[in-house]
Amino acid sequence: MKVVIADDHPVFLAGLQALLQGTEGIEVVAQAATGPEAVDAVANLHPDVAVLDLNMPGPGGIATIREIARRRPSTHMVVLTMYDDDALVFDAVRAGALGYVLKGAPPDEVIRAVQAVGRGEAVFGAGLARRLSDWFSRTAPPSPFEQLTQREREVLELLARGLRNAAIAERLGISLKTVRNVVSSVLTKLQVPDRETATHRARQAGLGRTPGTLPEPDRKRSG
């Protein structure tokens, strides 16, 4: 595994090189002290992994990550920094980093992170991973139609795709009578008068649409 390391502190950089170079299966092919140096090293040497600090001279760590991702997307990146700010973690991930580890982490954690990122895995330090999990659990949007059972959601999804009862029964492997009963239950729980209204509500919520397309606009509110 070929690795480029970048940090503007020479002592830390030397220690990181010694740590990684002493690990079987890892070869440090270049050091960099600035963002542009890191980008050039990655572009010229085509490493498997780039280990990057965020606070280096040049355009900044996030911009460096973004530029490496643009010029050499097959090189996986792990951030090794002292900054544990949540916003920086998300910015780094959005820019293209697969890993984010704090400089205070034990040496074996740093090695495992580099190895895992080299395999294409996403890696975060233990504390960061817990905070990311908490953040996503707080900010995840509620699932639409939580009052419906799994079967009712499946039927509503197929209604939103334009399938009739017979086609739904065939698709789900259930009887036509069961489909009618489920549709009736869906209408009752959604408090809508007919299947057309239920279909419209489902499509507004994103059900039944091709991935990458937008939900239907609410025509009642849009004019």
C-alpha atoms as a PDB file:
ATOM      1  CA  MET A   1       0.000   0.000   0.000  1.00  0.00           C
ATOM      2  CA  LYS A   2       1.604   3.262  -1.155  1.00  0.00           C
ATOM      3  CA  VAL A   3       0.974   6.232   1.155  1.00  0.00           C
ATOM      4  CA  VAL A   4       1.587   9.977   0.920  1.00  0.00           C
ATOM      5  CA  ILE A   5       1.667  11.848   4.238  1.00  0.00           C
ATOM      6  CA  ALA A   6       1.179  15.594   4.653  1.00  0.00           C
ATOM      7  CA  ASP A   7       1.697  17.790   7.726  1.00  0.00           C
ATOM      8  CA  ASP A   8       3.457  21.103   8.300  1.00  0.00           C
ATOM      9  CA  HIS A   9       5.108  19.985  11.559  1.00  0.00           C
ATOM     10  CA  PRO A  10       8.422  18.269  10.652  1.00  0.00           C
ATOM     11  CA  VAL A  11       8.746  16.361  13.924  1.00  0.00           C
ATOM     12  CA  PHE A  12       5.227  14.952  13.698  1.00  0.00           C
ATOM     13  CA  LEU A  13       5.740  14.145  10.016  1.00  0.00           C
ATOM     14  CA  ALA A  14       8.940  12.247  10.776  1.00  0.00           C
ATOM     15  CA  GLY A  15       7.228  10.296  13.543  1.00  0.00           C
ATOM     16  CA  LEU A  16       4.285   9.432  11.301  1.00  0.00           C
ATOM     17  CA  GLN A  17       6.629   8.230   8.564  1.00  0.00           C
ATOM     18  CA  ALA A  18       8.529   6.035  11.022  1.00  0.00           C
ATOM     19  CA  LEU A  19       5.259   4.580  12.336  1.00  0.00           C
ATOM     20  CA  LEU A  20       3.825   3.765   8.920  1.00  0.00           C
ATOM     21  CA  GLN A  21       7.113   2.728   7.287  1.00  0.00           C
ATOM     22  CA  GLY A  22       7.650   0.276  10.118  1.00  0.00           C
ATOM     23  CA  THR A  23       4.316  -1.407   9.401  1.00  0.00           C
ATOM     24  CA  GLU A  24       4.377  -4.397   7.096  1.00  0.00           C
ATOM     25  CA  GLY A  25       2.552  -3.766   3.831  1.00  0.00           C
ATOM     26  CA  ILE A  26       2.807   0.048   3.966  1.00  0.00           C
ATOM     27  CA  GLU A  27       5.297   2.144   1.986  1.00  0.00           C
ATOM     28  CA  VAL A  28       5.504   5.913   2.489  1.00  0.00           C
ATOM     29  CA  VAL A  29       6.323   7.230  -0.983  1.00  0.00           C
ATOM     30  CA  ALA A  30       6.319  10.973  -0.247  1.00  0.00           C
ATOM     31  CA  GLN A  31       6.047  13.647   2.431  1.00  0.00           C
ATOM     32  CA  ALA A  32       4.404  17.033   1.969  1.00  0.00           C
ATOM     33  CA  ALA A  33       4.323  20.134   4.150  1.00  0.00           C
ATOM     34  CA  THR A  34       1.669  22.141   2.266  1.00  0.00           C
ATOM     35  CA  GLY A  35      -1.618  21.497   0.519  1.00  0.00           C
ATOM     36  CA  PRO A  36      -0.214  22.060  -3.009  1.00  0.00           C
ATOM     37  CA  GLU A  37       2.715  19.741  -2.268  1.00  0.00           C
ATOM     38  CA  ALA A  38       0.278  17.042  -1.175  1.00  0.00           C
ATOM     39  CA  VAL A  39      -1.817  17.466  -4.324  1.00  0.00           C
ATOM     40  CA  ASP A  40       1.272  17.278  -6.570  1.00  0.00           C
ATOM     41  CA  ALA A  41       2.615  14.212  -4.750  1.00  0.00           C
ATOM     42  CA  VAL A  42      -0.685  12.379  -5.130  1.00  0.00           C
ATOM     43  CA  ALA A  43      -1.042  13.398  -8.789  1.00  0.00           C
ATOM     44  CA  ASN A  44       2.515  12.263  -9.647  1.00  0.00           C
ATOM     45  CA  LEU A  45       2.919   9.151  -7.496  1.00  0.00           C
ATOM     46  CA  HIS A  46      -0.628   7.725  -7.528  1.00  0.00           C
ATOM     47  CA  PRO A  47      -0.649   6.460  -3.922  1.00  0.00           C
ATOM     48  CA  ASP A  48      -3.386   4.273  -2.491  1.00  0.00           C
ATOM     49  CA  VAL A  49      -3.819   6.516   0.560  1.00  0.00           C
ATOM     50  CA  ALA A  50      -3.112  10.130   1.463  1.00  0.00           C
ATOM     51  CA  VAL A  51      -2.880  11.001   5.164  1.00  0.00           C
ATOM     52  CA  LEU A  52      -3.591  14.710   5.525  1.00  0.00           C
ATOM     53  CA  ASP A  53      -3.526  17.341   8.241  1.00  0.00           C
ATOM     54  CA  LEU A  54      -6.161  20.074   7.971  1.00  0.00           C
ATOM     55  CA  ASN A  55      -3.982  22.991   9.109  1.00  0.00           C
ATOM     56  CA  MET A  56      -1.294  23.350   6.422  1.00  0.00           C
ATOM     57  CA  PRO A  57      -0.006  26.321   4.421  1.00  0.00           C
ATOM     58  CA  GLY A  58      -1.837  26.814   1.180  1.00  0.00           C
ATOM     59  CA  PRO A  59      -5.519  26.784   0.316  1.00  0.00           C
ATOM     60  CA  GLY A  60      -6.460  24.756   3.417  1.00  0.00           C
ATOM     61  CA  GLY A  61      -7.053  21.127   4.266  1.00  0.00           C
ATOM     62  CA  ILE A  62     -10.638  20.900   3.012  1.00  0.00           C
ATOM     63  CA  ALA A  63      -9.692  22.479  -0.327  1.00  0.00           C
ATOM     64  CA  THR A  64      -6.748  20.067  -0.572  1.00  0.00           C
ATOM     65  CA  ILE A  65      -9.025  17.089  -0.002  1.00  0.00           C
ATOM     66  CA  ARG A  66     -11.422  18.370  -2.636  1.00  0.00           C
ATOM     67  CA  GLU A  67      -8.639  18.889  -5.180  1.00  0.00           C
ATOM     68  CA  ILE A  68      -7.154  15.430  -4.611  1.00  0.00           C
ATOM     69  CA  ALA A  69     -10.607  13.886  -4.972  1.00  0.00           C
ATOM     70  CA  ARG A  70     -11.010  15.723  -8.269  1.00  0.00           C
ATOM     71  CA  ARG A  71      -7.594  14.899  -9.708  1.00  0.00           C
ATOM     72  CA  ARG A  72      -7.043  11.428  -8.275  1.00  0.00           C
ATOM     73  CA  PRO A  73     -10.354   9.896  -7.108  1.00  0.00           C
ATOM     74  CA  SER A  74      -8.804   6.423  -6.686  1.00  0.00           C
ATOM     75  CA  THR A  75      -6.578   7.710  -3.873  1.00  0.00           C
ATOM     76  CA  HIS A  76      -8.423   7.347  -0.579  1.00  0.00           C
ATOM     77  CA  MET A  77      -7.869  10.022   2.049  1.00  0.00           C
ATOM     78  CA  VAL A  78      -7.762   9.990   5.836  1.00  0.00           C
ATOM     79  CA  VAL A  79      -7.548  13.161   7.902  1.00  0.00           C
ATOM     80  CA  LEU A  80      -5.151  13.069  10.851  1.00  0.00           C
ATOM     81  CA  THR A  81      -5.595  16.268  12.830  1.00  0.00           C
ATOM     82  CA  MET A  82      -5.942  17.818  16.270  1.00  0.00           C
ATOM     83  CA  TYR A  83      -9.293  19.406  15.394  1.00  0.00           C
ATOM     84  CA  ASP A  84     -12.341  17.455  16.575  1.00  0.00           C
ATOM     85  CA  ASP A  85     -14.970  20.006  15.536  1.00  0.00           C
ATOM     86  CA  ASP A  86     -18.072  18.286  14.135  1.00  0.00           C
ATOM     87  CA  ALA A  87     -18.417  20.778  11.291  1.00  0.00           C
ATOM     88  CA  LEU A  88     -14.871  20.037  10.122  1.00  0.00           C
ATOM     89  CA  VAL A  89     -15.572  16.303  10.150  1.00  0.00           C
ATOM     90  CA  PHE A  90     -18.624  16.753   7.931  1.00  0.00           C
ATOM     91  CA  ASP A  91     -16.790  19.193   5.647  1.00  0.00           C
ATOM     92  CA  ALA A  92     -13.932  16.715   5.217  1.00  0.00           C
ATOM     93  CA  VAL A  93     -16.295  13.846   4.420  1.00  0.00           C
ATOM     94  CA  ARG A  94     -18.251  15.951   1.953  1.00  0.00           C
ATOM     95  CA  ALA A  95     -14.976  16.983   0.287  1.00  0.00           C
ATOM     96  CA  GLY A  96     -13.989  13.347  -0.214  1.00  0.00           C
ATOM     97  CA  ALA A  97     -12.214  11.999   2.894  1.00  0.00           C
ATOM     98  CA  LEU A  98     -12.980   8.444   3.952  1.00  0.00           C
ATOM     99  CA  GLY A  99     -11.457   8.691   7.408  1.00  0.00           C
ATOM    100  CA  TYR A 100     -10.975  11.192  10.229  1.00  0.00           C
ATOM    101  CA  VAL A 101      -8.690  10.413  13.166  1.00  0.00           C
ATOM    102  CA  LEU A 102      -7.405  12.682  15.910  1.00  0.00           C
ATOM    103  CA  LYS A 103      -3.680  13.088  16.514  1.00  0.00           C
ATOM    104  CA  GLY A 104      -4.121  11.945  20.087  1.00  0.00           C
ATOM    105  CA  ALA A 105      -5.220   8.486  18.936  1.00  0.00           C
ATOM    106  CA  PRO A 106      -3.009   5.500  19.808  1.00  0.00           C
ATOM    107  CA  PRO A 107      -0.484   4.524  17.102  1.00  0.00           C
ATOM    108  CA  ASP A 108      -2.244   1.222  16.364  1.00  0.00           C
ATOM    109  CA  GLU A 109      -5.507   3.118  15.736  1.00  0.00           C
ATOM    110  CA  VAL A 110      -3.755   5.328  13.202  1.00  0.00           C
ATOM    111  CA  ILE A 111      -2.299   2.282  11.442  1.00  0.00           C
ATOM    112  CA  ARG A 112      -5.672   0.521  11.354  1.00  0.00           C
ATOM    113  CA  ALA A 113      -7.294   3.655   9.974  1.00  0.00           C
ATOM    114  CA  VAL A 114      -4.772   3.917   7.135  1.00  0.00           C
ATOM    115  CA  GLN A 115      -5.149   0.224   6.307  1.00  0.00           C
ATOM    116  CA  ALA A 116      -8.945   0.381   6.386  1.00  0.00           C
ATOM    117  CA  VAL A 117      -9.134   3.528   4.244  1.00  0.00           C
ATOM    118  CA  GLY A 118      -6.769   1.847   1.799  1.00  0.00           C
ATOM    119  CA  ARG A 119      -9.382  -0.887   1.446  1.00  0.00           C
ATOM    120  CA  GLY A 120     -12.030   1.719   0.733  1.00  0.00           C
ATOM    121  CA  GLU A 121     -13.632   1.604   4.189  1.00  0.00           C
ATOM    122  CA  ALA A 122     -14.848   4.662   6.074  1.00  0.00           C
ATOM    123  CA  VAL A 123     -13.090   5.082   9.440  1.00  0.00           C
ATOM    124  CA  PHE A 124     -13.558   7.509  12.311  1.00  0.00           C
ATOM    125  CA  GLY A 125     -12.032   7.585  15.761  1.00  0.00           C
ATOM    126  CA  ALA A 126     -14.157   6.038  18.495  1.00  0.00           C
ATOM    127  CA  GLY A 127     -15.313   9.335  19.984  1.00  0.00           C
ATOM    128  CA  LEU A 128     -16.026  10.855  16.579  1.00  0.00           C
ATOM    129  CA  ALA A 129     -17.959   7.770  15.487  1.00  0.00           C
ATOM    130  CA  ARG A 130     -20.258   8.047  18.519  1.00  0.00           C
ATOM    131  CA  ARG A 131     -20.861  11.738  17.869  1.00  0.00           C
ATOM    132  CA  LEU A 132     -21.575  11.113  14.187  1.00  0.00           C
ATOM    133  CA  SER A 133     -24.037   8.403  15.112  1.00  0.00           C
ATOM    134  CA  ASP A 134     -25.747  10.712  17.604  1.00  0.00           C
ATOM    135  CA  TRP A 135     -25.857  13.521  15.043  1.00  0.00           C
ATOM    136  CA  PHE A 136     -27.443  11.369  12.347  1.00  0.00           C
ATOM    137  CA  SER A 137     -29.966   9.927  14.791  1.00  0.00           C
ATOM    138  CA  ARG A 138     -30.991  13.460  15.789  1.00  0.00           C
ATOM    139  CA  THR A 139     -31.151  14.846  12.285  1.00  0.00           C
ATOM    140  CA  ALA A 140     -32.535  11.912  10.308  1.00  0.00           C
ATOM    141  CA  PRO A 141     -35.878  12.919   8.819  1.00  0.00           C
ATOM    142  CA  PRO A 142     -38.878  10.964  10.074  1.00  0.00           C
ATOM    143  CA  SER A 143     -40.064   8.209   7.798  1.00  0.00           C
ATOM    144  CA  PRO A 144     -43.275   9.194   5.965  1.00  0.00           C
ATOM    145  CA  PHE A 145     -46.482   7.393   6.906  1.00  0.00           C
ATOM    146  CA  GLU A 146     -45.146   5.919  10.144  1.00  0.00           C
ATOM    147  CA  GLN A 147     -48.702   4.977  11.059  1.00  0.00           C
ATOM    148  CA  LEU A 148     -48.690   2.318   8.338  1.00  0.00           C
ATOM    149  CA  THR A 149     -47.509  -1.249   8.759  1.00  0.00           C
ATOM    150  CA  GLN A 150     -44.724  -2.615   6.573  1.00  0.00           C
ATOM    151  CA  ARG A 151     -47.250  -4.376   4.325  1.00  0.00           C
ATOM    152  CA  GLU A 152     -49.351  -1.218   4.029  1.00  0.00           C
ATOM    153  CA  ARG A 153     -46.280   0.764   3.041  1.00  0.00           C
ATOM    154  CA  GLU A 154     -45.415  -1.823   0.403  1.00  0.00           C
ATOM    155  CA  VAL A 155     -48.889  -1.599  -1.083  1.00  0.00           C
ATOM    156  CA  LEU A 156     -48.838   2.210  -0.970  1.00  0.00           C
ATOM    157  CA  GLU A 157     -45.462   2.209  -2.722  1.00  0.00           C
ATOM    158  CA  LEU A 158     -46.900   0.090  -5.538  1.00  0.00           C
ATOM    159  CA  LEU A 159     -50.014   2.255  -5.729  1.00  0.00           C
ATOM    160  CA  ALA A 160     -47.702   5.237  -6.174  1.00  0.00           C
ATOM    161  CA  ARG A 161     -46.039   3.407  -9.060  1.00  0.00           C
ATOM    162  CA  GLY A 162     -49.402   3.147 -10.774  1.00  0.00           C
ATOM    163  CA  LEU A 163     -50.071  -0.566 -10.221  1.00  0.00           C
ATOM    164  CA  ARG A 164     -53.624  -1.824  -9.959  1.00  0.00           C
ATOM    165  CA  ASN A 165     -54.792  -4.310  -7.322  1.00  0.00           C
ATOM    166  CA  ALA A 166     -54.248  -7.417  -9.451  1.00  0.00           C
ATOM    167  CA  ALA A 167     -50.679  -6.397 -10.310  1.00  0.00           C
ATOM    168  CA  ILE A 168     -49.967  -5.614  -6.646  1.00  0.00           C
ATOM    169  CA  ALA A 169     -51.275  -9.016  -5.604  1.00  0.00           C
ATOM    170  CA  GLU A 170     -49.027 -10.708  -8.141  1.00  0.00           C
ATOM    171  CA  ARG A 171     -45.995  -8.636  -7.194  1.00  0.00           C
ATOM    172  CA  LEU A 172     -46.344  -9.293  -3.459  1.00  0.00           C
ATOM    173  CA  GLY A 173     -47.585 -12.873  -3.747  1.00  0.00           C
ATOM    174  CA  ILE A 174     -50.806 -12.229  -1.835  1.00  0.00           C
ATOM    175  CA  SER A 175     -54.479 -12.620  -2.715  1.00  0.00           C
ATOM    176  CA  LEU A 176     -56.535  -9.960  -4.444  1.00  0.00           C
ATOM    177  CA  LYS A 177     -58.820  -9.855  -1.425  1.00  0.00           C
ATOM    178  CA  THR A 178     -55.859  -9.134   0.852  1.00  0.00           C
ATOM    179  CA  VAL A 179     -54.770  -6.267  -1.397  1.00  0.00           C
ATOM    180  CA  ARG A 180     -58.267  -4.754  -1.254  1.00  0.00           C
ATOM    181  CA  ASN A 181     -58.273  -5.008   2.530  1.00  0.00           C
ATOM    182  CA  VAL A 182     -54.830  -3.421   2.805  1.00  0.00           C
ATOM    183  CA  VAL A 183     -55.770  -0.584   0.450  1.00  0.00           C
ATOM    184  CA  SER A 184     -58.892   0.059   2.529  1.00  0.00           C
ATOM    185  CA  SER A 185     -56.764   0.161   5.687  1.00  0.00           C
ATOM    186  CA  VAL A 186     -54.329   2.587   4.048  1.00  0.00           C
ATOM    187  CA  LEU A 187     -57.153   4.938   3.063  1.00  0.00           C
ATOM    188  CA  THR A 188     -58.523   4.858   6.598  1.00  0.00           C
ATOM    189  CA  LYS A 189     -55.154   5.534   8.262  1.00  0.00           C
ATOM    190  CA  LEU A 190     -54.274   8.334   5.837  1.00  0.00           C
ATOM    191  CA  GLN A 191     -57.782   9.754   6.194  1.00  0.00           C
ATOM    192  CA  VAL A 192     -58.246  10.121   2.429  1.00  0.00           C
ATOM    193  CA  PRO A 193     -61.412   9.349   0.439  1.00  0.00           C
ATOM    194  CA  ASP A 194     -59.941   7.280  -2.422  1.00  0.00           C
ATOM    195  CA  ARG A 195     -56.865   5.581  -3.818  1.00  0.00           C
ATOM    196  CA  GLU A 196     -56.127   8.476  -6.197  1.00  0.00           C
ATOM    197  CA  THR A 197     -55.716  10.857  -3.244  1.00  0.00           C
ATOM    198  CA  ALA A 198     -53.590   8.295  -1.411  1.00  0.00           C
ATOM    199  CA  THR A 199     -51.414   7.899  -4.519  1.00  0.00           C
ATOM    200  CA  HIS A 200     -50.972  11.653  -4.773  1.00  0.00           C
ATOM    201  CA  ARG A 201     -49.981  11.888  -1.092  1.00  0.00           C
ATOM    202  CA  ALA A 202     -47.503   9.027  -1.521  1.00  0.00           C
ATOM    203  CA  ARG A 203     -45.856  10.614  -4.545  1.00  0.00           C
ATOM    204  CA  GLN A 204     -45.567  13.939  -2.738  1.00  0.00           C
ATOM    205  CA  ALA A 205     -43.649  12.092  -0.017  1.00  0.00           C
ATOM    206  CA  GLY A 206     -41.299  10.554  -2.576  1.00  0.00           C
ATOM    207  CA  LEU A 207     -42.778   7.068  -2.858  1.00  0.00           C
ATOM    208  CA  GLY A 208     -43.081   5.431  -6.240  1.00  0.00           C
ATOM    209  CA  ARG A 209     -40.700   7.754  -8.038  1.00  0.00           C
ATOM    210  CA  THR A 210     -37.562   6.978  -9.968  1.00  0.00           C
ATOM    211  CA  PRO A 211     -34.407   7.599  -7.888  1.00  0.00           C
ATOM    212  CA  GLY A 212     -32.926  11.009  -8.624  1.00  0.00           C
ATOM    213  CA  THR A 213     -36.258  12.673  -9.433  1.00  0.00           C
ATOM    214  CA  LEU A 214     -38.105  15.160  -7.265  1.00  0.00           C
ATOM    215  CA  PRO A 215     -41.405  14.558  -5.482  1.00  0.00           C
ATOM    216  CA  GLU A 216     -44.525  15.854  -7.134  1.00  0.00           C
ATOM    217  CA  PRO A 217     -45.404  19.473  -6.291  1.00  0.00           C
ATOM    218  CA  ASP A 218     -48.425  20.123  -4.128  1.00  0.00           C
ATOM    219  CA  ARG A 219     -50.734  21.595  -6.740  1.00  0.00           C
ATOM    220  CA  LYS A 220     -53.254  22.712  -4.119  1.00  0.00           C
ATOM    221  CA  ARG A 221     -50.651  25.066  -2.637  1.00  0.00           C
ATOM    222  CA  SER A 222     -48.771  25.916  -5.832  1.00  0.00           C
ATOM    223  CA  GLY A 223     -51.784  27.253  -7.691  1.00  0.00           C
END
